[in-house]
Amino acid sequence: MKRAVAIKRWSRRAATAAFCCLAAGALAEPLTLSLPLECEPGRSCFVQTYVAHEEQAKPRDYRCGARTYSRHDGTDFRVADIPAMRRGVNVLATAAGTVVRMRDGVSDGDVLEGQRERVRGVECGNGVVIAHGDGWETQYCHMANGSLRVGAGERVEAGAVLGKLGLSGMTEFPHLHFTVRQAGRVVDPFAFGAAEGSCGGGAFLWRPDLREALAYRERELLNFGFASAPVGMQDIEAGVEPPGHEPGALVAYVRLIGLQKGDRLRLVLRGPDDGIVADHEPDPLTSDKAQQMLFVGARRPPQGGPRGRYSAEIAVRHEGRIVLEQTFSRTF
């Protein structure tokens, strides 16, 4: 599998040249891709990061947005948190082909445990590379240790289970790093053959019925809920324990992805009478954020607060307009 990792590293260095050459030259016959995870986009899985287009001064995604970073050579499909991963999420072959490389046996969670040196040389973690003919390859990284179901030389069909989503290799959260190559060059499955510097051009390589599910979203609400104490990013990633029926404090929390410089967030907690229990509106963001969490709450009086349905509202504004909002509630 060392060869597969070497290809991944090379592809990140050569991403700009790859997009340039594919856009300028004759395009290969497009590959049609199914989802690489057994999940529902926007509900049980989310695109965290897109392929980086490096033609501009700052790397941008295929819509010229900020949901990428320099030399990122694939699409990251994530689940909401570690408990979702532990419930088991199948990694699927996106098209028929032959397994040409695979690796298993890399432990999960090394980076989370502060052991980055353990993943040096195996940044992809446990993974699979499939050849599809005509120079097309797909690569699947960060799969769960001991979960791979295929071996080198095995023929697979689209939708075949390759293994499980995991935390192996260079990752701090459960996701599948999915890379597409044609003739050794990285291509963006959302914008195959797009002209240099274009925003939204190129071919959509995913199955036509996935176009709505995989529609581009500048920002997304990843996690939300209630807790009985303040929460942090690690708490959300690990899974927040919901409060009991009569908590001593009530906290509403959210985690969002794809936020942009200048975004203004406001999270409001309301009681059963619709009155404001707590309200938090921090200063506008000073930089783009791959992910950002926010919480607001209040202690309940010793005799207990009013019983009934509590709700929380998250709103994100950019340049005076609402770009994301959602309300969630629970009875206490």
C-alpha atoms as a PDB file:
ATOM      1  CA  MET A   1       0.000   0.000   0.000  1.00  0.00           C
ATOM      2  CA  LYS A   2       3.042   2.277   0.208  1.00  0.00           C
ATOM      3  CA  ARG A   3       2.702   2.793  -3.514  1.00  0.00           C
ATOM      4  CA  ALA A   4      -0.876   4.029  -3.081  1.00  0.00           C
ATOM      5  CA  VAL A   5       0.230   6.569  -0.471  1.00  0.00           C
ATOM      6  CA  ALA A   6       3.032   7.735  -2.748  1.00  0.00           C
ATOM      7  CA  ILE A   7       0.511   8.343  -5.524  1.00  0.00           C
ATOM      8  CA  LYS A   8      -1.660  10.339  -3.150  1.00  0.00           C
ATOM      9  CA  ARG A   9       1.266  12.562  -2.142  1.00  0.00           C
ATOM     10  CA  TRP A  10       2.322  13.104  -5.758  1.00  0.00           C
ATOM     11  CA  SER A  11      -1.211  13.961  -6.782  1.00  0.00           C
ATOM     12  CA  ARG A  12      -1.438  16.743  -4.220  1.00  0.00           C
ATOM     13  CA  ARG A  13       1.780  18.326  -5.503  1.00  0.00           C
ATOM     14  CA  ALA A  14       0.631  18.035  -9.111  1.00  0.00           C
ATOM     15  CA  ALA A  15      -3.019  19.051  -8.675  1.00  0.00           C
ATOM     16  CA  THR A  16      -2.687  22.347 -10.581  1.00  0.00           C
ATOM     17  CA  ALA A  17      -0.986  20.730 -13.559  1.00  0.00           C
ATOM     18  CA  ALA A  18      -3.576  17.963 -13.604  1.00  0.00           C
ATOM     19  CA  PHE A  19      -6.533  20.346 -13.837  1.00  0.00           C
ATOM     20  CA  CYS A  20      -4.728  22.431 -16.450  1.00  0.00           C
ATOM     21  CA  CYS A  21      -3.936  19.539 -18.738  1.00  0.00           C
ATOM     22  CA  LEU A  22      -7.350  17.908 -18.501  1.00  0.00           C
ATOM     23  CA  ALA A  23      -9.137  21.143 -19.248  1.00  0.00           C
ATOM     24  CA  ALA A  24      -6.898  22.073 -22.167  1.00  0.00           C
ATOM     25  CA  GLY A  25      -6.536  18.683 -23.834  1.00  0.00           C
ATOM     26  CA  ALA A  26      -8.942  16.068 -25.110  1.00  0.00           C
ATOM     27  CA  LEU A  27     -11.096  14.741 -22.278  1.00  0.00           C
ATOM     28  CA  ALA A  28     -11.347  11.062 -21.477  1.00  0.00           C
ATOM     29  CA  GLU A  29     -14.755   9.395 -21.603  1.00  0.00           C
ATOM     30  CA  PRO A  30     -16.312  10.360 -18.240  1.00  0.00           C
ATOM     31  CA  LEU A  31     -16.652   7.796 -15.460  1.00  0.00           C
ATOM     32  CA  THR A  32     -20.057   7.579 -13.754  1.00  0.00           C
ATOM     33  CA  LEU A  33     -19.800   7.364  -9.964  1.00  0.00           C
ATOM     34  CA  SER A  34     -22.104   6.068  -7.244  1.00  0.00           C
ATOM     35  CA  LEU A  35     -21.791   7.286  -3.653  1.00  0.00           C
ATOM     36  CA  PRO A  36     -18.673   5.964  -1.868  1.00  0.00           C
ATOM     37  CA  LEU A  37     -20.538   5.671   1.471  1.00  0.00           C
ATOM     38  CA  GLU A  38     -23.774   3.959   2.421  1.00  0.00           C
ATOM     39  CA  CYS A  39     -25.431   7.115   3.715  1.00  0.00           C
ATOM     40  CA  GLU A  40     -27.831   9.928   2.889  1.00  0.00           C
ATOM     41  CA  PRO A  41     -25.990  13.139   1.937  1.00  0.00           C
ATOM     42  CA  GLY A  42     -27.082  16.109   3.995  1.00  0.00           C
ATOM     43  CA  ARG A  43     -28.580  13.885   6.688  1.00  0.00           C
ATOM     44  CA  SER A  44     -26.289  11.036   7.718  1.00  0.00           C
ATOM     45  CA  CYS A  45     -23.184  12.156   5.810  1.00  0.00           C
ATOM     46  CA  PHE A  46     -21.783  15.445   4.562  1.00  0.00           C
ATOM     47  CA  VAL A  47     -19.109  16.744   2.220  1.00  0.00           C
ATOM     48  CA  GLN A  48     -16.561  18.359   4.521  1.00  0.00           C
ATOM     49  CA  THR A  49     -13.893  19.308   1.955  1.00  0.00           C
ATOM     50  CA  TYR A  50     -13.738  19.436  -1.844  1.00  0.00           C
ATOM     51  CA  VAL A  51     -10.819  19.061  -4.261  1.00  0.00           C
ATOM     52  CA  ALA A  52      -8.568  22.133  -4.281  1.00  0.00           C
ATOM     53  CA  HIS A  53      -8.364  24.153  -7.489  1.00  0.00           C
ATOM     54  CA  GLU A  54      -5.050  25.941  -7.222  1.00  0.00           C
ATOM     55  CA  GLU A  55      -5.214  28.323 -10.208  1.00  0.00           C
ATOM     56  CA  GLN A  56      -6.064  31.344  -8.034  1.00  0.00           C
ATOM     57  CA  ALA A  57      -3.958  33.020  -5.348  1.00  0.00           C
ATOM     58  CA  LYS A  58      -5.947  31.125  -2.708  1.00  0.00           C
ATOM     59  CA  PRO A  59      -7.068  27.503  -3.254  1.00  0.00           C
ATOM     60  CA  ARG A  60     -10.788  27.358  -3.933  1.00  0.00           C
ATOM     61  CA  ASP A  61     -13.325  24.580  -4.423  1.00  0.00           C
ATOM     62  CA  TYR A  62     -15.047  23.953  -7.752  1.00  0.00           C
ATOM     63  CA  ARG A  63     -17.582  26.705  -7.043  1.00  0.00           C
ATOM     64  CA  CYS A  64     -14.801  29.160  -6.114  1.00  0.00           C
ATOM     65  CA  GLY A  65     -15.820  28.755  -2.478  1.00  0.00           C
ATOM     66  CA  ALA A  66     -13.702  28.233   0.623  1.00  0.00           C
ATOM     67  CA  ARG A  67     -14.518  24.588   1.351  1.00  0.00           C
ATOM     68  CA  THR A  68     -11.040  23.235   0.603  1.00  0.00           C
ATOM     69  CA  TYR A  69      -7.374  23.856   1.382  1.00  0.00           C
ATOM     70  CA  SER A  70      -4.078  23.793  -0.468  1.00  0.00           C
ATOM     71  CA  ARG A  71      -3.135  20.502  -2.194  1.00  0.00           C
ATOM     72  CA  HIS A  72      -6.299  18.709  -1.096  1.00  0.00           C
ATOM     73  CA  ASP A  73      -6.637  16.048  -3.796  1.00  0.00           C
ATOM     74  CA  GLY A  74      -9.968  14.428  -2.975  1.00  0.00           C
ATOM     75  CA  THR A  75     -13.487  14.822  -1.630  1.00  0.00           C
ATOM     76  CA  ASP A  76     -13.985  14.220   2.103  1.00  0.00           C
ATOM     77  CA  PHE A  77     -17.280  12.551   3.016  1.00  0.00           C
ATOM     78  CA  ARG A  78     -17.793  12.703   6.779  1.00  0.00           C
ATOM     79  CA  VAL A  79     -20.362  11.519   9.291  1.00  0.00           C
ATOM     80  CA  ALA A  80     -21.627  13.716  12.114  1.00  0.00           C
ATOM     81  CA  ASP A  81     -19.550  12.259  14.944  1.00  0.00           C
ATOM     82  CA  ILE A  82     -17.698   9.223  16.264  1.00  0.00           C
ATOM     83  CA  PRO A  83     -20.842   7.454  17.565  1.00  0.00           C
ATOM     84  CA  ALA A  84     -22.239   7.579  14.017  1.00  0.00           C
ATOM     85  CA  MET A  85     -19.050   5.946  12.771  1.00  0.00           C
ATOM     86  CA  ARG A  86     -19.202   3.280  15.465  1.00  0.00           C
ATOM     87  CA  ARG A  87     -22.703   2.314  14.428  1.00  0.00           C
ATOM     88  CA  GLY A  88     -21.065   1.171  11.196  1.00  0.00           C
ATOM     89  CA  VAL A  89     -20.972   2.913   7.820  1.00  0.00           C
ATOM     90  CA  ASN A  90     -20.099   0.875   4.741  1.00  0.00           C
ATOM     91  CA  VAL A  91     -17.548   2.161   2.237  1.00  0.00           C
ATOM     92  CA  LEU A  92     -18.740   1.302  -1.284  1.00  0.00           C
ATOM     93  CA  ALA A  93     -17.111   0.940  -4.677  1.00  0.00           C
ATOM     94  CA  THR A  94     -18.250   3.877  -6.798  1.00  0.00           C
ATOM     95  CA  ALA A  95     -17.908   2.004 -10.109  1.00  0.00           C
ATOM     96  CA  ALA A  96     -17.091  -1.474 -11.352  1.00  0.00           C
ATOM     97  CA  GLY A  97     -13.402  -2.314 -11.529  1.00  0.00           C
ATOM     98  CA  THR A  98     -10.490  -4.310 -10.158  1.00  0.00           C
ATOM     99  CA  VAL A  99      -8.783  -3.778  -6.804  1.00  0.00           C
ATOM    100  CA  VAL A 100      -5.162  -3.004  -7.634  1.00  0.00           C
ATOM    101  CA  ARG A 101      -3.893  -2.009  -4.179  1.00  0.00           C
ATOM    102  CA  MET A 102      -5.182  -2.236  -0.627  1.00  0.00           C
ATOM    103  CA  ARG A 103      -3.938  -1.925   2.930  1.00  0.00           C
ATOM    104  CA  ASP A 104      -5.376  -2.989   6.284  1.00  0.00           C
ATOM    105  CA  GLY A 105      -3.884  -3.153   9.769  1.00  0.00           C
ATOM    106  CA  VAL A 106      -3.390   0.567  10.495  1.00  0.00           C
ATOM    107  CA  SER A 107      -4.834   1.428  13.906  1.00  0.00           C
ATOM    108  CA  ASP A 108      -7.698   3.882  14.305  1.00  0.00           C
ATOM    109  CA  GLY A 109      -7.461   7.160  16.193  1.00  0.00           C
ATOM    110  CA  ASP A 110      -3.684   7.673  16.287  1.00  0.00           C
ATOM    111  CA  VAL A 111      -3.938  11.393  15.464  1.00  0.00           C
ATOM    112  CA  LEU A 112      -6.702  11.927  18.023  1.00  0.00           C
ATOM    113  CA  GLU A 113      -4.417  10.347  20.617  1.00  0.00           C
ATOM    114  CA  GLY A 114      -1.570  12.710  19.709  1.00  0.00           C
ATOM    115  CA  GLN A 115       0.445  10.010  17.936  1.00  0.00           C
ATOM    116  CA  ARG A 116       1.006  11.638  14.545  1.00  0.00           C
ATOM    117  CA  GLU A 117       4.378   9.924  14.125  1.00  0.00           C
ATOM    118  CA  ARG A 118       2.563   6.597  13.866  1.00  0.00           C
ATOM    119  CA  VAL A 119       0.900   7.604  10.615  1.00  0.00           C
ATOM    120  CA  ARG A 120       4.021   8.917   8.886  1.00  0.00           C
ATOM    121  CA  GLY A 121       4.157   7.137   5.530  1.00  0.00           C
ATOM    122  CA  VAL A 122       0.628   5.723   5.951  1.00  0.00           C
ATOM    123  CA  GLU A 123      -1.365   8.964   5.859  1.00  0.00           C
ATOM    124  CA  CYS A 124      -4.130   7.306   3.832  1.00  0.00           C
ATOM    125  CA  GLY A 125      -4.558   4.758   6.625  1.00  0.00           C
ATOM    126  CA  ASN A 126      -6.411   1.631   5.612  1.00  0.00           C
ATOM    127  CA  GLY A 127      -7.570   1.956   2.043  1.00  0.00           C
ATOM    128  CA  VAL A 128      -8.280   0.615  -1.405  1.00  0.00           C
ATOM    129  CA  VAL A 129      -7.381   1.650  -4.961  1.00  0.00           C
ATOM    130  CA  ILE A 130      -9.640   0.417  -7.780  1.00  0.00           C
ATOM    131  CA  ALA A 131      -8.823   0.558 -11.499  1.00  0.00           C
ATOM    132  CA  HIS A 132     -11.834   1.091 -13.781  1.00  0.00           C
ATOM    133  CA  GLY A 133     -10.257   0.992 -17.233  1.00  0.00           C
ATOM    134  CA  ASP A 134      -9.273   3.772 -19.669  1.00  0.00           C
ATOM    135  CA  GLY A 135      -6.861   5.152 -17.073  1.00  0.00           C
ATOM    136  CA  TRP A 136      -9.503   5.779 -14.395  1.00  0.00           C
ATOM    137  CA  GLU A 137      -8.760   5.013 -10.719  1.00  0.00           C
ATOM    138  CA  THR A 138     -10.564   5.690  -7.460  1.00  0.00           C
ATOM    139  CA  GLN A 139      -8.936   5.669  -4.021  1.00  0.00           C
ATOM    140  CA  TYR A 140     -10.613   5.264  -0.610  1.00  0.00           C
ATOM    141  CA  CYS A 141      -8.739   6.315   2.569  1.00  0.00           C
ATOM    142  CA  HIS A 142      -9.148   6.277   6.391  1.00  0.00           C
ATOM    143  CA  MET A 143     -11.116   3.038   6.565  1.00  0.00           C
ATOM    144  CA  ALA A 144     -11.553   1.154   9.860  1.00  0.00           C
ATOM    145  CA  ASN A 145      -8.813  -1.203  10.973  1.00  0.00           C
ATOM    146  CA  GLY A 146      -9.685  -4.825  10.199  1.00  0.00           C
ATOM    147  CA  SER A 147     -12.754  -3.927   8.146  1.00  0.00           C
ATOM    148  CA  LEU A 148     -11.566  -4.424   4.557  1.00  0.00           C
ATOM    149  CA  ARG A 149     -13.515  -7.087   2.657  1.00  0.00           C
ATOM    150  CA  VAL A 150     -11.601  -7.089  -0.644  1.00  0.00           C
ATOM    151  CA  GLY A 151      -8.142  -8.098  -1.792  1.00  0.00           C
ATOM    152  CA  ALA A 152      -5.785  -7.094  -4.587  1.00  0.00           C
ATOM    153  CA  GLY A 153      -6.843  -8.546  -7.934  1.00  0.00           C
ATOM    154  CA  GLU A 154     -10.497  -8.912  -6.929  1.00  0.00           C
ATOM    155  CA  ARG A 155     -13.191  -7.720  -9.318  1.00  0.00           C
ATOM    156  CA  VAL A 156     -15.909  -5.556  -7.730  1.00  0.00           C
ATOM    157  CA  GLU A 157     -19.148  -4.059  -8.993  1.00  0.00           C
ATOM    158  CA  ALA A 158     -20.509  -0.584  -8.284  1.00  0.00           C
ATOM    159  CA  GLY A 159     -21.983  -0.564  -4.769  1.00  0.00           C
ATOM    160  CA  ALA A 160     -19.851  -3.466  -3.512  1.00  0.00           C
ATOM    161  CA  VAL A 161     -18.886  -3.142   0.156  1.00  0.00           C
ATOM    162  CA  LEU A 162     -15.150  -2.486   0.465  1.00  0.00           C
ATOM    163  CA  GLY A 163     -15.080  -2.113   4.266  1.00  0.00           C
ATOM    164  CA  LYS A 164     -16.126   0.328   6.993  1.00  0.00           C
ATOM    165  CA  LEU A 165     -15.569   4.015   7.606  1.00  0.00           C
ATOM    166  CA  GLY A 166     -12.890   4.582  10.241  1.00  0.00           C
ATOM    167  CA  LEU A 167     -10.268   6.850  11.785  1.00  0.00           C
ATOM    168  CA  SER A 168      -7.043   5.386  10.412  1.00  0.00           C
ATOM    169  CA  GLY A 169      -4.201   7.476   9.025  1.00  0.00           C
ATOM    170  CA  MET A 170      -3.915  11.265   9.087  1.00  0.00           C
ATOM    171  CA  THR A 171      -7.394  12.233  10.266  1.00  0.00           C
ATOM    172  CA  GLU A 172      -8.939  13.860  13.326  1.00  0.00           C
ATOM    173  CA  PHE A 173     -12.555  13.036  12.511  1.00  0.00           C
ATOM    174  CA  PRO A 174     -14.364  10.085  10.880  1.00  0.00           C
ATOM    175  CA  HIS A 175     -14.456  10.578   7.139  1.00  0.00           C
ATOM    176  CA  LEU A 176     -13.650   8.953   3.831  1.00  0.00           C
ATOM    177  CA  HIS A 177     -11.053  10.719   1.696  1.00  0.00           C
ATOM    178  CA  PHE A 178     -12.122   9.822  -1.851  1.00  0.00           C
ATOM    179  CA  THR A 179      -9.860  10.580  -4.818  1.00  0.00           C
ATOM    180  CA  VAL A 180     -10.513  10.177  -8.555  1.00  0.00           C
ATOM    181  CA  ARG A 181      -7.666  10.024 -11.092  1.00  0.00           C
ATOM    182  CA  GLN A 182      -7.544   9.772 -14.852  1.00  0.00           C
ATOM    183  CA  ALA A 183      -4.237   8.790 -16.468  1.00  0.00           C
ATOM    184  CA  GLY A 184      -2.555   9.447 -13.105  1.00  0.00           C
ATOM    185  CA  ARG A 185      -3.918  12.973 -12.747  1.00  0.00           C
ATOM    186  CA  VAL A 186      -6.344  14.068 -10.051  1.00  0.00           C
ATOM    187  CA  VAL A 187      -9.740  15.164 -11.332  1.00  0.00           C
ATOM    188  CA  ASP A 188     -12.620  16.765  -9.473  1.00  0.00           C
ATOM    189  CA  PRO A 189     -15.736  14.542  -9.734  1.00  0.00           C
ATOM    190  CA  PHE A 190     -17.885  17.653  -9.356  1.00  0.00           C
ATOM    191  CA  ALA A 191     -16.169  19.542 -12.187  1.00  0.00           C
ATOM    192  CA  PHE A 192     -14.362  17.193 -14.562  1.00  0.00           C
ATOM    193  CA  GLY A 193     -12.618  19.135 -17.318  1.00  0.00           C
ATOM    194  CA  ALA A 194     -13.613  22.565 -15.984  1.00  0.00           C
ATOM    195  CA  ALA A 195     -11.785  25.475 -17.590  1.00  0.00           C
ATOM    196  CA  GLU A 196      -9.050  27.018 -15.468  1.00  0.00           C
ATOM    197  CA  GLY A 197     -10.474  29.553 -13.032  1.00  0.00           C
ATOM    198  CA  SER A 198     -14.114  28.720 -13.798  1.00  0.00           C
ATOM    199  CA  CYS A 199     -16.713  28.541 -11.040  1.00  0.00           C
ATOM    200  CA  GLY A 200     -19.140  25.669 -11.457  1.00  0.00           C
ATOM    201  CA  GLY A 201     -18.038  24.499 -14.901  1.00  0.00           C
ATOM    202  CA  GLY A 202     -17.054  21.004 -16.008  1.00  0.00           C
ATOM    203  CA  ALA A 203     -18.854  17.672 -15.924  1.00  0.00           C
ATOM    204  CA  PHE A 204     -20.649  16.170 -12.917  1.00  0.00           C
ATOM    205  CA  LEU A 205     -19.273  12.616 -12.717  1.00  0.00           C
ATOM    206  CA  TRP A 206     -21.727  11.398 -10.091  1.00  0.00           C
ATOM    207  CA  ARG A 207     -24.859   9.524 -11.148  1.00  0.00           C
ATOM    208  CA  PRO A 208     -27.504  11.957 -12.447  1.00  0.00           C
ATOM    209  CA  ASP A 209     -29.922  10.985  -9.651  1.00  0.00           C
ATOM    210  CA  LEU A 210     -27.363  12.222  -7.091  1.00  0.00           C
ATOM    211  CA  ARG A 211     -27.279  15.781  -8.405  1.00  0.00           C
ATOM    212  CA  GLU A 212     -29.761  17.147  -5.859  1.00  0.00           C
ATOM    213  CA  ALA A 213     -28.337  15.169  -2.926  1.00  0.00           C
ATOM    214  CA  LEU A 214     -24.806  16.365  -3.722  1.00  0.00           C
ATOM    215  CA  ALA A 215     -25.774  19.948  -4.542  1.00  0.00           C
ATOM    216  CA  TYR A 216     -23.170  22.439  -3.349  1.00  0.00           C
ATOM    217  CA  ARG A 217     -23.858  24.071   0.001  1.00  0.00           C
ATOM    218  CA  GLU A 218     -21.658  26.916   1.164  1.00  0.00           C
ATOM    219  CA  ARG A 219     -22.471  26.213   4.823  1.00  0.00           C
ATOM    220  CA  GLU A 220     -24.052  23.281   6.634  1.00  0.00           C
ATOM    221  CA  LEU A 221     -25.348  22.518  10.113  1.00  0.00           C
ATOM    222  CA  LEU A 222     -23.580  19.331  11.170  1.00  0.00           C
ATOM    223  CA  ASN A 223     -24.592  18.805  14.832  1.00  0.00           C
ATOM    224  CA  PHE A 224     -27.220  20.335  17.085  1.00  0.00           C
ATOM    225  CA  GLY A 225     -28.922  19.436  20.322  1.00  0.00           C
ATOM    226  CA  PHE A 226     -29.243  20.049  24.049  1.00  0.00           C
ATOM    227  CA  ALA A 227     -26.910  19.295  26.963  1.00  0.00           C
ATOM    228  CA  SER A 228     -26.858  19.846  30.713  1.00  0.00           C
ATOM    229  CA  ALA A 229     -23.447  21.601  30.754  1.00  0.00           C
ATOM    230  CA  PRO A 230     -21.239  23.652  28.424  1.00  0.00           C
ATOM    231  CA  VAL A 231     -19.750  21.608  25.564  1.00  0.00           C
ATOM    232  CA  GLY A 232     -16.607  21.812  23.449  1.00  0.00           C
ATOM    233  CA  MET A 233     -15.616  20.583  20.009  1.00  0.00           C
ATOM    234  CA  GLN A 234     -14.239  17.304  21.380  1.00  0.00           C
ATOM    235  CA  ASP A 235     -17.453  16.705  23.326  1.00  0.00           C
ATOM    236  CA  ILE A 236     -19.492  17.090  20.148  1.00  0.00           C
ATOM    237  CA  GLU A 237     -17.167  14.810  18.187  1.00  0.00           C
ATOM    238  CA  ALA A 238     -17.400  12.147  20.898  1.00  0.00           C
ATOM    239  CA  GLY A 239     -21.197  12.465  21.157  1.00  0.00           C
ATOM    240  CA  VAL A 240     -22.990  14.676  23.679  1.00  0.00           C
ATOM    241  CA  GLU A 241     -25.002  12.981  26.406  1.00  0.00           C
ATOM    242  CA  PRO A 242     -28.540  14.429  26.247  1.00  0.00           C
ATOM    243  CA  PRO A 243     -29.918  15.989  29.436  1.00  0.00           C
ATOM    244  CA  GLY A 244     -32.443  14.275  31.667  1.00  0.00           C
ATOM    245  CA  HIS A 245     -36.005  15.446  32.188  1.00  0.00           C
ATOM    246  CA  GLU A 246     -35.067  17.961  34.928  1.00  0.00           C
ATOM    247  CA  PRO A 247     -31.505  19.153  34.231  1.00  0.00           C
ATOM    248  CA  GLY A 248     -29.826  21.624  36.581  1.00  0.00           C
ATOM    249  CA  ALA A 249     -28.782  23.623  33.531  1.00  0.00           C
ATOM    250  CA  LEU A 250     -29.948  23.642  29.953  1.00  0.00           C
ATOM    251  CA  VAL A 251     -27.534  24.256  27.084  1.00  0.00           C
ATOM    252  CA  ALA A 252     -28.229  24.373  23.344  1.00  0.00           C
ATOM    253  CA  TYR A 253     -25.280  23.707  21.024  1.00  0.00           C
ATOM    254  CA  VAL A 254     -24.513  23.618  17.305  1.00  0.00           C
ATOM    255  CA  ARG A 255     -21.566  22.738  15.079  1.00  0.00           C
ATOM    256  CA  LEU A 256     -21.408  24.120  11.544  1.00  0.00           C
ATOM    257  CA  ILE A 257     -19.071  23.547   8.589  1.00  0.00           C
ATOM    258  CA  GLY A 258     -18.081  25.818   5.718  1.00  0.00           C
ATOM    259  CA  LEU A 259     -18.421  29.144   7.526  1.00  0.00           C
ATOM    260  CA  GLN A 260     -16.865  32.202   5.881  1.00  0.00           C
ATOM    261  CA  LYS A 261     -15.031  35.304   6.977  1.00  0.00           C
ATOM    262  CA  GLY A 262     -17.568  37.934   8.014  1.00  0.00           C
ATOM    263  CA  ASP A 263     -20.299  35.473   8.999  1.00  0.00           C
ATOM    264  CA  ARG A 264     -22.332  36.506  12.065  1.00  0.00           C
ATOM    265  CA  LEU A 265     -23.746  33.675  14.188  1.00  0.00           C
ATOM    266  CA  ARG A 266     -26.584  33.975  16.687  1.00  0.00           C
ATOM    267  CA  LEU A 267     -27.906  31.144  18.852  1.00  0.00           C
ATOM    268  CA  VAL A 268     -31.043  31.772  20.940  1.00  0.00           C
ATOM    269  CA  LEU A 269     -32.580  29.454  23.542  1.00  0.00           C
ATOM    270  CA  ARG A 270     -36.304  29.958  24.209  1.00  0.00           C
ATOM    271  CA  GLY A 271     -38.559  28.599  26.951  1.00  0.00           C
ATOM    272  CA  PRO A 272     -42.058  27.068  26.740  1.00  0.00           C
ATOM    273  CA  ASP A 273     -43.597  30.551  26.721  1.00  0.00           C
ATOM    274  CA  ASP A 274     -41.363  31.507  23.750  1.00  0.00           C
ATOM    275  CA  GLY A 275     -39.449  33.918  25.972  1.00  0.00           C
ATOM    276  CA  ILE A 276     -35.669  34.165  25.545  1.00  0.00           C
ATOM    277  CA  VAL A 277     -33.785  32.113  28.161  1.00  0.00           C
ATOM    278  CA  ALA A 278     -30.314  32.804  26.730  1.00  0.00           C
ATOM    279  CA  ASP A 279     -28.920  34.569  23.682  1.00  0.00           C
ATOM    280  CA  HIS A 280     -25.394  34.465  22.261  1.00  0.00           C
ATOM    281  CA  GLU A 281     -24.091  36.433  19.261  1.00  0.00           C
ATOM    282  CA  PRO A 282     -20.280  36.476  19.060  1.00  0.00           C
ATOM    283  CA  ASP A 283     -18.253  38.875  16.941  1.00  0.00           C
ATOM    284  CA  PRO A 284     -18.191  38.244  13.176  1.00  0.00           C
ATOM    285  CA  LEU A 285     -15.732  35.590  12.035  1.00  0.00           C
ATOM    286  CA  THR A 286     -12.332  36.991  11.079  1.00  0.00           C
ATOM    287  CA  SER A 287     -11.449  34.041   8.811  1.00  0.00           C
ATOM    288  CA  ASP A 288     -13.024  31.114   6.989  1.00  0.00           C
ATOM    289  CA  LYS A 289     -13.789  28.164   9.291  1.00  0.00           C
ATOM    290  CA  ALA A 290     -13.845  24.518   8.234  1.00  0.00           C
ATOM    291  CA  GLN A 291     -15.924  23.913  11.358  1.00  0.00           C
ATOM    292  CA  GLN A 292     -17.172  26.068  14.207  1.00  0.00           C
ATOM    293  CA  MET A 293     -19.212  25.312  17.319  1.00  0.00           C
ATOM    294  CA  LEU A 294     -21.399  27.530  19.474  1.00  0.00           C
ATOM    295  CA  PHE A 295     -23.418  26.994  22.638  1.00  0.00           C
ATOM    296  CA  VAL A 296     -25.726  29.007  24.836  1.00  0.00           C
ATOM    297  CA  GLY A 297     -27.519  28.146  28.060  1.00  0.00           C
ATOM    298  CA  ALA A 298     -28.600  28.986  31.576  1.00  0.00           C
ATOM    299  CA  ARG A 299     -28.886  27.381  34.989  1.00  0.00           C
ATOM    300  CA  ARG A 300     -32.374  26.440  36.037  1.00  0.00           C
ATOM    301  CA  PRO A 301     -33.630  27.754  39.387  1.00  0.00           C
ATOM    302  CA  PRO A 302     -33.393  25.393  42.404  1.00  0.00           C
ATOM    303  CA  GLN A 303     -37.126  24.802  42.318  1.00  0.00           C
ATOM    304  CA  GLY A 304     -36.866  23.882  38.649  1.00  0.00           C
ATOM    305  CA  GLY A 305     -37.753  25.852  35.569  1.00  0.00           C
ATOM    306  CA  PRO A 306     -41.067  25.759  33.751  1.00  0.00           C
ATOM    307  CA  ARG A 307     -41.836  22.434  32.142  1.00  0.00           C
ATOM    308  CA  GLY A 308     -42.669  22.265  28.469  1.00  0.00           C
ATOM    309  CA  ARG A 309     -41.062  22.524  25.079  1.00  0.00           C
ATOM    310  CA  TYR A 310     -37.777  24.432  24.789  1.00  0.00           C
ATOM    311  CA  SER A 311     -36.472  25.512  21.394  1.00  0.00           C
ATOM    312  CA  ALA A 312     -33.217  26.849  20.014  1.00  0.00           C
ATOM    313  CA  GLU A 313     -32.654  28.915  16.872  1.00  0.00           C
ATOM    314  CA  ILE A 314     -29.355  29.169  14.994  1.00  0.00           C
ATOM    315  CA  ALA A 315     -29.018  31.850  12.340  1.00  0.00           C
ATOM    316  CA  VAL A 316     -26.000  32.740  10.214  1.00  0.00           C
ATOM    317  CA  ARG A 317     -25.942  36.113   8.479  1.00  0.00           C
ATOM    318  CA  HIS A 318     -23.508  37.312   5.858  1.00  0.00           C
ATOM    319  CA  GLU A 319     -23.490  40.911   4.659  1.00  0.00           C
ATOM    320  CA  GLY A 320     -26.878  41.453   6.253  1.00  0.00           C
ATOM    321  CA  ARG A 321     -28.732  38.471   4.778  1.00  0.00           C
ATOM    322  CA  ILE A 322     -29.559  35.137   6.406  1.00  0.00           C
ATOM    323  CA  VAL A 323     -27.592  32.364   4.713  1.00  0.00           C
ATOM    324  CA  LEU A 324     -28.478  29.522   7.107  1.00  0.00           C
ATOM    325  CA  GLU A 325     -31.062  29.084   9.845  1.00  0.00           C
ATOM    326  CA  GLN A 326     -32.670  26.207  11.701  1.00  0.00           C
ATOM    327  CA  THR A 327     -34.800  25.652  14.811  1.00  0.00           C
ATOM    328  CA  PHE A 328     -34.716  22.531  17.001  1.00  0.00           C
ATOM    329  CA  SER A 329     -36.614  21.716  20.165  1.00  0.00           C
ATOM    330  CA  ARG A 330     -37.192  19.251  22.998  1.00  0.00           C
ATOM    331  CA  THR A 331     -39.633  18.850  25.882  1.00  0.00           C
ATOM    332  CA  PHE A 332     -38.313  18.993  29.479  1.00  0.00           C
END
